[in-house]
Amino acid sequence: MSITSDLIRGHTDTIILAHLSRGNSYGYEINKAILTATGRRYELKEATLYTAFRRLEEAGCIVSYWGDETTGARRRYYAITPYGRETHTRLVAEWQEARELIAALIGE
């Protein structure tokens, strides 16, 4: 599992941008979606998730804003920017190329 986690962790930005491309969201909701999508086999550590949010925001890929606290706890939401969509497309293309190269190298 640790090797799998290491491989996936290298694609944290891609995973977050993919989620945000479907709509604005907040940290807990994104992590819950990751758990669900992986059958509870993978979860981002909170520190990893929020470090990625800061990195993506500083790069101009996402923006953040505070949600309406009348619906419960005040949450920081994240939204993908046009540059973030371009970055997501590029990262997915890079992932597909890496997947093809690895498959060729291991004889798949």
PDB file of N, CA and C in Angstrom:
ATOM      1  N   MET A   1       0.826  -1.205   0.000  1.00  0.00           N
ATOM      2  CA  MET A   1       0.000   0.000   0.000  1.00  0.00           C
ATOM      3  C   MET A   1       0.864   1.260   0.000  1.00  0.00           C
ATOM      4  N   SER A   2       2.019   1.248   0.660  1.00  0.00           N
ATOM      5  CA  SER A   2       2.830   2.460   0.710  1.00  0.00           C
ATOM      6  C   SER A   2       3.376   2.827  -0.663  1.00  0.00           C
ATOM      7  N   ILE A   3       3.715   1.826  -1.485  1.00  0.00           N
ATOM      8  CA  ILE A   3       4.192   2.118  -2.832  1.00  0.00           C
ATOM      9  C   ILE A   3       3.060   2.745  -3.643  1.00  0.00           C
ATOM     10  N   THR A   4       1.878   2.183  -3.537  1.00  0.00           N
ATOM     11  CA  THR A   4       0.722   2.733  -4.238  1.00  0.00           C
ATOM     12  C   THR A   4       0.467   4.169  -3.779  1.00  0.00           C
ATOM     13  N   SER A   5       0.524   4.407  -2.482  1.00  0.00           N
ATOM     14  CA  SER A   5       0.305   5.753  -1.955  1.00  0.00           C
ATOM     15  C   SER A   5       1.347   6.723  -2.495  1.00  0.00           C
ATOM     16  N   ASP A   6       2.605   6.285  -2.567  1.00  0.00           N
ATOM     17  CA  ASP A   6       3.653   7.145  -3.107  1.00  0.00           C
ATOM     18  C   ASP A   6       3.384   7.495  -4.567  1.00  0.00           C
ATOM     19  N   LEU A   7       2.945   6.520  -5.347  1.00  0.00           N
ATOM     20  CA  LEU A   7       2.641   6.766  -6.758  1.00  0.00           C
ATOM     21  C   LEU A   7       1.478   7.748  -6.905  1.00  0.00           C
ATOM     22  N   ILE A   8       0.461   7.561  -6.102  1.00  0.00           N
ATOM     23  CA  ILE A   8      -0.720   8.425  -6.185  1.00  0.00           C
ATOM     24  C   ILE A   8      -0.396   9.826  -5.685  1.00  0.00           C
ATOM     25  N   ARG A   9       0.379   9.919  -4.615  1.00  0.00           N
ATOM     26  CA  ARG A   9       0.698  11.217  -4.017  1.00  0.00           C
ATOM     27  C   ARG A   9       1.343  12.157  -5.031  1.00  0.00           C
ATOM     28  N   GLY A  10       2.069  11.619  -5.978  1.00  0.00           N
ATOM     29  CA  GLY A  10       2.686  12.436  -7.017  1.00  0.00           C
ATOM     30  C   GLY A  10       1.677  13.074  -7.957  1.00  0.00           C
ATOM     31  N   HIS A  11       0.421  12.674  -7.832  1.00  0.00           N
ATOM     32  CA  HIS A  11      -0.630  13.189  -8.707  1.00  0.00           C
ATOM     33  C   HIS A  11      -1.720  13.923  -7.917  1.00  0.00           C
ATOM     34  N   THR A  12      -1.353  14.382  -6.730  1.00  0.00           N
ATOM     35  CA  THR A  12      -2.312  15.088  -5.871  1.00  0.00           C
ATOM     36  C   THR A  12      -2.929  16.289  -6.577  1.00  0.00           C
ATOM     37  N   ASP A  13      -2.110  17.097  -7.236  1.00  0.00           N
ATOM     38  CA  ASP A  13      -2.634  18.289  -7.918  1.00  0.00           C
ATOM     39  C   ASP A  13      -3.633  17.890  -8.995  1.00  0.00           C
ATOM     40  N   THR A  14      -3.306  16.857  -9.759  1.00  0.00           N
ATOM     41  CA  THR A  14      -4.200  16.395 -10.820  1.00  0.00           C
ATOM     42  C   THR A  14      -5.529  15.936 -10.234  1.00  0.00           C
ATOM     43  N   ILE A  15      -5.475  15.202  -9.124  1.00  0.00           N
ATOM     44  CA  ILE A  15      -6.690  14.689  -8.477  1.00  0.00           C
ATOM     45  C   ILE A  15      -7.557  15.842  -7.984  1.00  0.00           C
ATOM     46  N   ILE A  16      -6.942  16.820  -7.341  1.00  0.00           N
ATOM     47  CA  ILE A  16      -7.704  17.969  -6.831  1.00  0.00           C
ATOM     48  C   ILE A  16      -8.305  18.778  -7.972  1.00  0.00           C
ATOM     49  N   LEU A  17      -7.513  19.049  -8.998  1.00  0.00           N
ATOM     50  CA  LEU A  17      -8.038  19.812 -10.140  1.00  0.00           C
ATOM     51  C   LEU A  17      -9.158  19.055 -10.846  1.00  0.00           C
ATOM     52  N   ALA A  18      -9.048  17.734 -10.935  1.00  0.00           N
ATOM     53  CA  ALA A  18     -10.113  16.938 -11.551  1.00  0.00           C
ATOM     54  C   ALA A  18     -11.407  17.098 -10.759  1.00  0.00           C
ATOM     55  N   HIS A  19     -11.305  17.032  -9.438  1.00  0.00           N
ATOM     56  CA  HIS A  19     -12.496  17.192  -8.601  1.00  0.00           C
ATOM     57  C   HIS A  19     -13.092  18.590  -8.760  1.00  0.00           C
ATOM     58  N   LEU A  20     -12.244  19.600  -8.733  1.00  0.00           N
ATOM     59  CA  LEU A  20     -12.739  20.974  -8.833  1.00  0.00           C
ATOM     60  C   LEU A  20     -13.267  21.302 -10.228  1.00  0.00           C
ATOM     61  N   SER A  21     -12.840  20.562 -11.235  1.00  0.00           N
ATOM     62  CA  SER A  21     -13.372  20.806 -12.583  1.00  0.00           C
ATOM     63  C   SER A  21     -14.843  20.427 -12.666  1.00  0.00           C
ATOM     64  N   ARG A  22     -15.316  19.649 -11.700  1.00  0.00           N
ATOM     65  CA  ARG A  22     -16.735  19.267 -11.650  1.00  0.00           C
ATOM     66  C   ARG A  22     -17.559  20.199 -10.778  1.00  0.00           C
ATOM     67  N   GLY A  23     -16.884  21.119 -10.076  1.00  0.00           N
ATOM     68  CA  GLY A  23     -17.600  22.080  -9.242  1.00  0.00           C
ATOM     69  C   GLY A  23     -16.782  22.482  -8.030  1.00  0.00           C
ATOM     70  N   ASN A  24     -17.126  23.623  -7.463  1.00  0.00           N
ATOM     71  CA  ASN A  24     -16.427  24.123  -6.278  1.00  0.00           C
ATOM     72  C   ASN A  24     -16.599  23.145  -5.124  1.00  0.00           C
ATOM     73  N   SER A  25     -15.609  23.116  -4.242  1.00  0.00           N
ATOM     74  CA  SER A  25     -15.656  22.159  -3.153  1.00  0.00           C
ATOM     75  C   SER A  25     -14.752  22.622  -2.028  1.00  0.00           C
ATOM     76  N   TYR A  26     -14.769  21.894  -0.921  1.00  0.00           N
ATOM     77  CA  TYR A  26     -13.920  22.183   0.228  1.00  0.00           C
ATOM     78  C   TYR A  26     -13.159  20.915   0.612  1.00  0.00           C
ATOM     79  N   GLY A  27     -12.149  21.072   1.451  1.00  0.00           N
ATOM     80  CA  GLY A  27     -11.218  19.999   1.752  1.00  0.00           C
ATOM     81  C   GLY A  27     -11.839  18.679   2.167  1.00  0.00           C
ATOM     82  N   TYR A  28     -12.711  18.704   3.168  1.00  0.00           N
ATOM     83  CA  TYR A  28     -13.307  17.460   3.666  1.00  0.00           C
ATOM     84  C   TYR A  28     -14.100  16.760   2.565  1.00  0.00           C
ATOM     85  N   GLU A  29     -14.833  17.525   1.784  1.00  0.00           N
ATOM     86  CA  GLU A  29     -15.642  16.961   0.711  1.00  0.00           C
ATOM     87  C   GLU A  29     -14.759  16.301  -0.361  1.00  0.00           C
ATOM     88  N   ILE A  30     -13.635  16.932  -0.676  1.00  0.00           N
ATOM     89  CA  ILE A  30     -12.712  16.360  -1.653  1.00  0.00           C
ATOM     90  C   ILE A  30     -12.115  15.064  -1.124  1.00  0.00           C
ATOM     91  N   ASN A  31     -11.696  15.069   0.123  1.00  0.00           N
ATOM     92  CA  ASN A  31     -11.119  13.858   0.701  1.00  0.00           C
ATOM     93  C   ASN A  31     -12.144  12.732   0.777  1.00  0.00           C
ATOM     94  N   LYS A  32     -13.380  13.076   1.094  1.00  0.00           N
ATOM     95  CA  LYS A  32     -14.455  12.077   1.139  1.00  0.00           C
ATOM     96  C   LYS A  32     -14.680  11.483  -0.250  1.00  0.00           C
ATOM     97  N   ALA A  33     -14.622  12.312  -1.284  1.00  0.00           N
ATOM     98  CA  ALA A  33     -14.789  11.830  -2.660  1.00  0.00           C
ATOM     99  C   ALA A  33     -13.650  10.891  -3.057  1.00  0.00           C
ATOM    100  N   ILE A  34     -12.422  11.209  -2.605  1.00  0.00           N
ATOM    101  CA  ILE A  34     -11.267  10.349  -2.885  1.00  0.00           C
ATOM    102  C   ILE A  34     -11.457   8.995  -2.209  1.00  0.00           C
ATOM    103  N   LEU A  35     -11.878   9.011  -0.964  1.00  0.00           N
ATOM    104  CA  LEU A  35     -12.134   7.758  -0.242  1.00  0.00           C
ATOM    105  C   LEU A  35     -13.186   6.917  -0.958  1.00  0.00           C
ATOM    106  N   THR A  36     -14.246   7.549  -1.369  1.00  0.00           N
ATOM    107  CA  THR A  36     -15.331   6.842  -2.056  1.00  0.00           C
ATOM    108  C   THR A  36     -14.857   6.275  -3.388  1.00  0.00           C
ATOM    109  N   ALA A  37     -14.169   7.089  -4.181  1.00  0.00           N
ATOM    110  CA  ALA A  37     -13.715   6.667  -5.508  1.00  0.00           C
ATOM    111  C   ALA A  37     -12.721   5.510  -5.435  1.00  0.00           C
ATOM    112  N   THR A  38     -11.965   5.436  -4.334  1.00  0.00           N
ATOM    113  CA  THR A  38     -10.952   4.381  -4.207  1.00  0.00           C
ATOM    114  C   THR A  38     -11.411   3.221  -3.329  1.00  0.00           C
ATOM    115  N   GLY A  39     -12.680   3.181  -3.012  1.00  0.00           N
ATOM    116  CA  GLY A  39     -13.176   2.109  -2.151  1.00  0.00           C
ATOM    117  C   GLY A  39     -12.505   2.109  -0.787  1.00  0.00           C
ATOM    118  N   ARG A  40     -12.232   3.300  -0.277  1.00  0.00           N
ATOM    119  CA  ARG A  40     -11.595   3.528   1.021  1.00  0.00           C
ATOM    120  C   ARG A  40     -10.157   3.010   1.079  1.00  0.00           C
ATOM    121  N   ARG A  41      -9.522   2.833  -0.082  1.00  0.00           N
ATOM    122  CA  ARG A  41      -8.140   2.347  -0.123  1.00  0.00           C
ATOM    123  C   ARG A  41      -7.123   3.480  -0.106  1.00  0.00           C
ATOM    124  N   TYR A  42      -7.570   4.710  -0.344  1.00  0.00           N
ATOM    125  CA  TYR A  42      -6.635   5.839  -0.367  1.00  0.00           C
ATOM    126  C   TYR A  42      -7.303   7.066   0.200  1.00  0.00           C
ATOM    127  N   GLU A  43      -6.538   7.769   1.020  1.00  0.00           N
ATOM    128  CA  GLU A  43      -7.003   9.019   1.615  1.00  0.00           C
ATOM    129  C   GLU A  43      -5.814   9.973   1.677  1.00  0.00           C
ATOM    130  N   LEU A  44      -6.051  11.205   1.294  1.00  0.00           N
ATOM    131  CA  LEU A  44      -4.988  12.212   1.413  1.00  0.00           C
ATOM    132  C   LEU A  44      -4.883  12.647   2.869  1.00  0.00           C
ATOM    133  N   LYS A  45      -3.666  12.768   3.338  1.00  0.00           N
ATOM    134  CA  LYS A  45      -3.477  13.327   4.671  1.00  0.00           C
ATOM    135  C   LYS A  45      -3.879  14.791   4.604  1.00  0.00           C
ATOM    136  N   GLU A  46      -4.429  15.288   5.707  1.00  0.00           N
ATOM    137  CA  GLU A  46      -4.907  16.669   5.741  1.00  0.00           C
ATOM    138  C   GLU A  46      -3.795  17.653   5.389  1.00  0.00           C
ATOM    139  N   ALA A  47      -2.601  17.425   5.921  1.00  0.00           N
ATOM    140  CA  ALA A  47      -1.479  18.329   5.634  1.00  0.00           C
ATOM    141  C   ALA A  47      -1.142  18.321   4.148  1.00  0.00           C
ATOM    142  N   THR A  48      -1.179  17.154   3.520  1.00  0.00           N
ATOM    143  CA  THR A  48      -0.900  17.047   2.082  1.00  0.00           C
ATOM    144  C   THR A  48      -1.939  17.807   1.284  1.00  0.00           C
ATOM    145  N   LEU A  49      -3.199  17.646   1.656  1.00  0.00           N
ATOM    146  CA  LEU A  49      -4.297  18.295   0.952  1.00  0.00           C
ATOM    147  C   LEU A  49      -4.178  19.815   1.025  1.00  0.00           C
ATOM    148  N   TYR A  50      -3.970  20.344   2.223  1.00  0.00           N
ATOM    149  CA  TYR A  50      -3.940  21.797   2.367  1.00  0.00           C
ATOM    150  C   TYR A  50      -2.640  22.413   1.827  1.00  0.00           C
ATOM    151  N   THR A  51      -1.554  21.649   1.834  1.00  0.00           N
ATOM    152  CA  THR A  51      -0.327  22.107   1.179  1.00  0.00           C
ATOM    153  C   THR A  51      -0.562  22.211  -0.323  1.00  0.00           C
ATOM    154  N   ALA A  52      -1.266  21.228  -0.886  1.00  0.00           N
ATOM    155  CA  ALA A  52      -1.584  21.257  -2.313  1.00  0.00           C
ATOM    156  C   ALA A  52      -2.495  22.437  -2.639  1.00  0.00           C
ATOM    157  N   PHE A  53      -3.483  22.718  -1.779  1.00  0.00           N
ATOM    158  CA  PHE A  53      -4.345  23.876  -2.004  1.00  0.00           C
ATOM    159  C   PHE A  53      -3.518  25.159  -2.074  1.00  0.00           C
ATOM    160  N   ARG A  54      -2.590  25.329  -1.133  1.00  0.00           N
ATOM    161  CA  ARG A  54      -1.758  26.539  -1.131  1.00  0.00           C
ATOM    162  C   ARG A  54      -0.910  26.621  -2.397  1.00  0.00           C
ATOM    163  N   ARG A  55      -0.310  25.497  -2.768  1.00  0.00           N
ATOM    164  CA  ARG A  55       0.547  25.468  -3.965  1.00  0.00           C
ATOM    165  C   ARG A  55      -0.272  25.800  -5.213  1.00  0.00           C
ATOM    166  N   LEU A  56      -1.456  25.202  -5.337  1.00  0.00           N
ATOM    167  CA  LEU A  56      -2.301  25.443  -6.507  1.00  0.00           C
ATOM    168  C   LEU A  56      -2.818  26.879  -6.544  1.00  0.00           C
ATOM    169  N   GLU A  57      -3.112  27.429  -5.367  1.00  0.00           N
ATOM    170  CA  GLU A  57      -3.601  28.813  -5.322  1.00  0.00           C
ATOM    171  C   GLU A  57      -2.475  29.785  -5.683  1.00  0.00           C
ATOM    172  N   GLU A  58      -1.285  29.550  -5.158  1.00  0.00           N
ATOM    173  CA  GLU A  58      -0.143  30.410  -5.485  1.00  0.00           C
ATOM    174  C   GLU A  58       0.211  30.342  -6.971  1.00  0.00           C
ATOM    175  N   ALA A  59      -0.041  29.185  -7.598  1.00  0.00           N
ATOM    176  CA  ALA A  59       0.251  29.022  -9.025  1.00  0.00           C
ATOM    177  C   ALA A  59      -0.848  29.604  -9.911  1.00  0.00           C
ATOM    178  N   GLY A  60      -1.963  30.010  -9.314  1.00  0.00           N
ATOM    179  CA  GLY A  60      -3.067  30.584 -10.087  1.00  0.00           C
ATOM    180  C   GLY A  60      -4.012  29.543 -10.662  1.00  0.00           C
ATOM    181  N   CYS A  61      -3.925  28.297 -10.174  1.00  0.00           N
ATOM    182  CA  CYS A  61      -4.785  27.226 -10.686  1.00  0.00           C
ATOM    183  C   CYS A  61      -6.149  27.195 -10.006  1.00  0.00           C
ATOM    184  N   ILE A  62      -6.191  27.662  -8.765  1.00  0.00           N
ATOM    185  CA  ILE A  62      -7.449  27.695  -8.017  1.00  0.00           C
ATOM    186  C   ILE A  62      -7.549  29.007  -7.258  1.00  0.00           C
ATOM    187  N   VAL A  63      -8.760  29.335  -6.842  1.00  0.00           N
ATOM    188  CA  VAL A  63      -9.003  30.457  -5.939  1.00  0.00           C
ATOM    189  C   VAL A  63      -9.820  29.916  -4.770  1.00  0.00           C
ATOM    190  N   SER A  64      -9.733  30.591  -3.646  1.00  0.00           N
ATOM    191  CA  SER A  64     -10.496  30.153  -2.480  1.00  0.00           C
ATOM    192  C   SER A  64     -11.384  31.277  -1.992  1.00  0.00           C
ATOM    193  N   TYR A  65     -12.427  30.885  -1.285  1.00  0.00           N
ATOM    194  CA  TYR A  65     -13.344  31.858  -0.696  1.00  0.00           C
ATOM    195  C   TYR A  65     -14.055  31.191   0.478  1.00  0.00           C
ATOM    196  N   TRP A  66     -14.538  32.017   1.384  1.00  0.00           N
ATOM    197  CA  TRP A  66     -15.266  31.497   2.536  1.00  0.00           C
ATOM    198  C   TRP A  66     -16.725  31.281   2.166  1.00  0.00           C
ATOM    199  N   GLY A  67     -17.251  30.139   2.553  1.00  0.00           N
ATOM    200  CA  GLY A  67     -18.644  29.814   2.276  1.00  0.00           C
ATOM    201  C   GLY A  67     -19.572  30.515   3.246  1.00  0.00           C
ATOM    202  N   ASP A  68     -20.838  30.381   2.992  1.00  0.00           N
ATOM    203  CA  ASP A  68     -21.887  30.976   3.816  1.00  0.00           C
ATOM    204  C   ASP A  68     -22.011  30.169   5.110  1.00  0.00           C
ATOM    205  N   GLU A  69     -21.751  30.815   6.234  1.00  0.00           N
ATOM    206  CA  GLU A  69     -21.766  30.095   7.497  1.00  0.00           C
ATOM    207  C   GLU A  69     -23.171  29.805   8.010  1.00  0.00           C
ATOM    208  N   THR A  70     -24.214  30.275   7.355  1.00  0.00           N
ATOM    209  CA  THR A  70     -25.577  29.985   7.800  1.00  0.00           C
ATOM    210  C   THR A  70     -25.954  28.529   7.533  1.00  0.00           C
ATOM    211  N   THR A  71     -25.174  27.844   6.703  1.00  0.00           N
ATOM    212  CA  THR A  71     -25.468  26.439   6.403  1.00  0.00           C
ATOM    213  C   THR A  71     -24.668  25.490   7.293  1.00  0.00           C
ATOM    214  N   GLY A  72     -24.083  25.993   8.369  1.00  0.00           N
ATOM    215  CA  GLY A  72     -23.288  25.167   9.270  1.00  0.00           C
ATOM    216  C   GLY A  72     -21.941  25.807   9.501  1.00  0.00           C
ATOM    217  N   ALA A  73     -20.938  24.955   9.640  1.00  0.00           N
ATOM    218  CA  ALA A  73     -19.588  25.457   9.892  1.00  0.00           C
ATOM    219  C   ALA A  73     -19.096  26.284   8.710  1.00  0.00           C
ATOM    220  N   ARG A  74     -18.340  27.306   9.003  1.00  0.00           N
ATOM    221  CA  ARG A  74     -17.765  28.138   7.948  1.00  0.00           C
ATOM    222  C   ARG A  74     -16.652  27.358   7.269  1.00  0.00           C
ATOM    223  N   ARG A  75     -16.778  27.176   5.969  1.00  0.00           N
ATOM    224  CA  ARG A  75     -15.813  26.387   5.213  1.00  0.00           C
ATOM    225  C   ARG A  75     -15.124  27.238   4.163  1.00  0.00           C
ATOM    226  N   ARG A  76     -13.885  26.880   3.898  1.00  0.00           N
ATOM    227  CA  ARG A  76     -13.127  27.529   2.823  1.00  0.00           C
ATOM    228  C   ARG A  76     -13.336  26.678   1.574  1.00  0.00           C
ATOM    229  N   TYR A  77     -13.936  27.287   0.564  1.00  0.00           N
ATOM    230  CA  TYR A  77     -14.199  26.600  -0.694  1.00  0.00           C
ATOM    231  C   TYR A  77     -13.109  26.931  -1.704  1.00  0.00           C
ATOM    232  N   TYR A  78     -12.939  26.022  -2.647  1.00  0.00           N
ATOM    233  CA  TYR A  78     -11.946  26.192  -3.704  1.00  0.00           C
ATOM    234  C   TYR A  78     -12.639  26.063  -5.050  1.00  0.00           C
ATOM    235  N   ALA A  79     -12.202  26.887  -5.997  1.00  0.00           N
ATOM    236  CA  ALA A  79     -12.747  26.877  -7.360  1.00  0.00           C
ATOM    237  C   ALA A  79     -11.583  26.856  -8.339  1.00  0.00           C
ATOM    238  N   ILE A  80     -11.741  26.120  -9.414  1.00  0.00           N
ATOM    239  CA  ILE A  80     -10.706  26.043 -10.440  1.00  0.00           C
ATOM    240  C   ILE A  80     -10.776  27.294 -11.323  1.00  0.00           C
ATOM    241  N   THR A  81      -9.633  27.760 -11.754  1.00  0.00           N
ATOM    242  CA  THR A  81      -9.555  28.916 -12.648  1.00  0.00           C
ATOM    243  C   THR A  81      -9.367  28.414 -14.087  1.00  0.00           C
ATOM    244  N   PRO A  82      -9.509  29.298 -15.065  1.00  0.00           N
ATOM    245  CA  PRO A  82      -9.217  28.879 -16.445  1.00  0.00           C
ATOM    246  C   PRO A  82      -7.794  28.314 -16.586  1.00  0.00           C
ATOM    247  N   TYR A  83      -6.835  28.939 -15.915  1.00  0.00           N
ATOM    248  CA  TYR A  83      -5.468  28.417 -15.950  1.00  0.00           C
ATOM    249  C   TYR A  83      -5.405  27.035 -15.287  1.00  0.00           C
ATOM    250  N   GLY A  84      -6.181  26.842 -14.241  1.00  0.00           N
ATOM    251  CA  GLY A  84      -6.245  25.545 -13.580  1.00  0.00           C
ATOM    252  C   GLY A  84      -6.796  24.471 -14.507  1.00  0.00           C
ATOM    253  N   ARG A  85      -7.774  24.828 -15.332  1.00  0.00           N
ATOM    254  CA  ARG A  85      -8.312  23.864 -16.311  1.00  0.00           C
ATOM    255  C   ARG A  85      -7.240  23.486 -17.333  1.00  0.00           C
ATOM    256  N   GLU A  86      -6.484  24.478 -17.787  1.00  0.00           N
ATOM    257  CA  GLU A  86      -5.377  24.198 -18.722  1.00  0.00           C
ATOM    258  C   GLU A  86      -4.342  23.290 -18.059  1.00  0.00           C
ATOM    259  N   THR A  87      -4.022  23.593 -16.810  1.00  0.00           N
ATOM    260  CA  THR A  87      -3.048  22.796 -16.073  1.00  0.00           C
ATOM    261  C   THR A  87      -3.546  21.369 -15.902  1.00  0.00           C
ATOM    262  N   HIS A  88      -4.823  21.214 -15.575  1.00  0.00           N
ATOM    263  CA  HIS A  88      -5.410  19.877 -15.420  1.00  0.00           C
ATOM    264  C   HIS A  88      -5.287  19.089 -16.718  1.00  0.00           C
ATOM    265  N   THR A  89      -5.610  19.709 -17.831  1.00  0.00           N
ATOM    266  CA  THR A  89      -5.510  19.038 -19.137  1.00  0.00           C
ATOM    267  C   THR A  89      -4.073  18.592 -19.399  1.00  0.00           C
ATOM    268  N   ARG A  90      -3.118  19.468 -19.104  1.00  0.00           N
ATOM    269  CA  ARG A  90      -1.701  19.134 -19.303  1.00  0.00           C
ATOM    270  C   ARG A  90      -1.259  17.999 -18.391  1.00  0.00           C
ATOM    271  N   LEU A  91      -1.664  18.053 -17.123  1.00  0.00           N
ATOM    272  CA  LEU A  91      -1.272  17.016 -16.166  1.00  0.00           C
ATOM    273  C   LEU A  91      -1.863  15.655 -16.532  1.00  0.00           C
ATOM    274  N   VAL A  92      -3.097  15.644 -17.020  1.00  0.00           N
ATOM    275  CA  VAL A  92      -3.709  14.381 -17.446  1.00  0.00           C
ATOM    276  C   VAL A  92      -2.964  13.818 -18.648  1.00  0.00           C
ATOM    277  N   ALA A  93      -2.589  14.672 -19.588  1.00  0.00           N
ATOM    278  CA  ALA A  93      -1.821  14.224 -20.753  1.00  0.00           C
ATOM    279  C   ALA A  93      -0.472  13.651 -20.312  1.00  0.00           C
ATOM    280  N   GLU A  94       0.181  14.310 -19.352  1.00  0.00           N
ATOM    281  CA  GLU A  94       1.449  13.807 -18.833  1.00  0.00           C
ATOM    282  C   GLU A  94       1.263  12.451 -18.160  1.00  0.00           C
ATOM    283  N   TRP A  95       0.171  12.298 -17.401  1.00  0.00           N
ATOM    284  CA  TRP A  95      -0.122  11.027 -16.741  1.00  0.00           C
ATOM    285  C   TRP A  95      -0.328   9.929 -17.783  1.00  0.00           C
ATOM    286  N   GLN A  96      -1.078  10.215 -18.832  1.00  0.00           N
ATOM    287  CA  GLN A  96      -1.328   9.212 -19.863  1.00  0.00           C
ATOM    288  C   GLN A  96      -0.032   8.795 -20.552  1.00  0.00           C
ATOM    289  N   GLU A  97       0.853   9.750 -20.811  1.00  0.00           N
ATOM    290  CA  GLU A  97       2.129   9.422 -21.428  1.00  0.00           C
ATOM    291  C   GLU A  97       2.982   8.570 -20.485  1.00  0.00           C
ATOM    292  N   ALA A  98       3.027   8.942 -19.212  1.00  0.00           N
ATOM    293  CA  ALA A  98       3.795   8.173 -18.229  1.00  0.00           C
ATOM    294  C   ALA A  98       3.235   6.757 -18.102  1.00  0.00           C
ATOM    295  N   ARG A  99       1.923   6.625 -18.102  1.00  0.00           N
ATOM    296  CA  ARG A  99       1.289   5.300 -18.007  1.00  0.00           C
ATOM    297  C   ARG A  99       1.691   4.434 -19.193  1.00  0.00           C
ATOM    298  N   GLU A 100       1.696   5.014 -20.395  1.00  0.00           N
ATOM    299  CA  GLU A 100       2.100   4.268 -21.593  1.00  0.00           C
ATOM    300  C   GLU A 100       3.565   3.859 -21.516  1.00  0.00           C
ATOM    301  N   LEU A 101       4.417   4.763 -21.075  1.00  0.00           N
ATOM    302  CA  LEU A 101       5.841   4.451 -20.962  1.00  0.00           C
ATOM    303  C   LEU A 101       6.103   3.348 -19.930  1.00  0.00           C
ATOM    304  N   ILE A 102       5.454   3.438 -18.788  1.00  0.00           N
ATOM    305  CA  ILE A 102       5.637   2.426 -17.751  1.00  0.00           C
ATOM    306  C   ILE A 102       5.127   1.074 -18.237  1.00  0.00           C
ATOM    307  N   ALA A 103       3.976   1.074 -18.901  1.00  0.00           N
ATOM    308  CA  ALA A 103       3.443  -0.181 -19.443  1.00  0.00           C
ATOM    309  C   ALA A 103       4.424  -0.802 -20.428  1.00  0.00           C
ATOM    310  N   ALA A 104       5.033   0.021 -21.258  1.00  0.00           N
ATOM    311  CA  ALA A 104       6.016  -0.490 -22.233  1.00  0.00           C
ATOM    312  C   ALA A 104       7.244  -1.041 -21.521  1.00  0.00           C
ATOM    313  N   LEU A 105       7.657  -0.364 -20.462  1.00  0.00           N
ATOM    314  CA  LEU A 105       8.866  -0.773 -19.735  1.00  0.00           C
ATOM    315  C   LEU A 105       8.680  -2.054 -18.923  1.00  0.00           C
ATOM    316  N   ILE A 106       7.469  -2.302 -18.462  1.00  0.00           N
ATOM    317  CA  ILE A 106       7.251  -3.511 -17.660  1.00  0.00           C
ATOM    318  C   ILE A 106       6.607  -4.639 -18.473  1.00  0.00           C
ATOM    319  N   GLY A 107       6.454  -4.394 -19.767  1.00  0.00           N
ATOM    320  CA  GLY A 107       5.964  -5.444 -20.651  1.00  0.00           C
ATOM    321  C   GLY A 107       4.468  -5.664 -20.646  1.00  0.00           C
ATOM    322  N   GLU A 108       3.738  -4.642 -20.389  1.00  0.00           N
ATOM    323  CA  GLU A 108       2.262  -4.747 -20.395  1.00  0.00           C
ATOM    324  C   GLU A 108       1.727  -4.556 -21.800  1.00  0.00           C
TER     325      GLU A 108
END
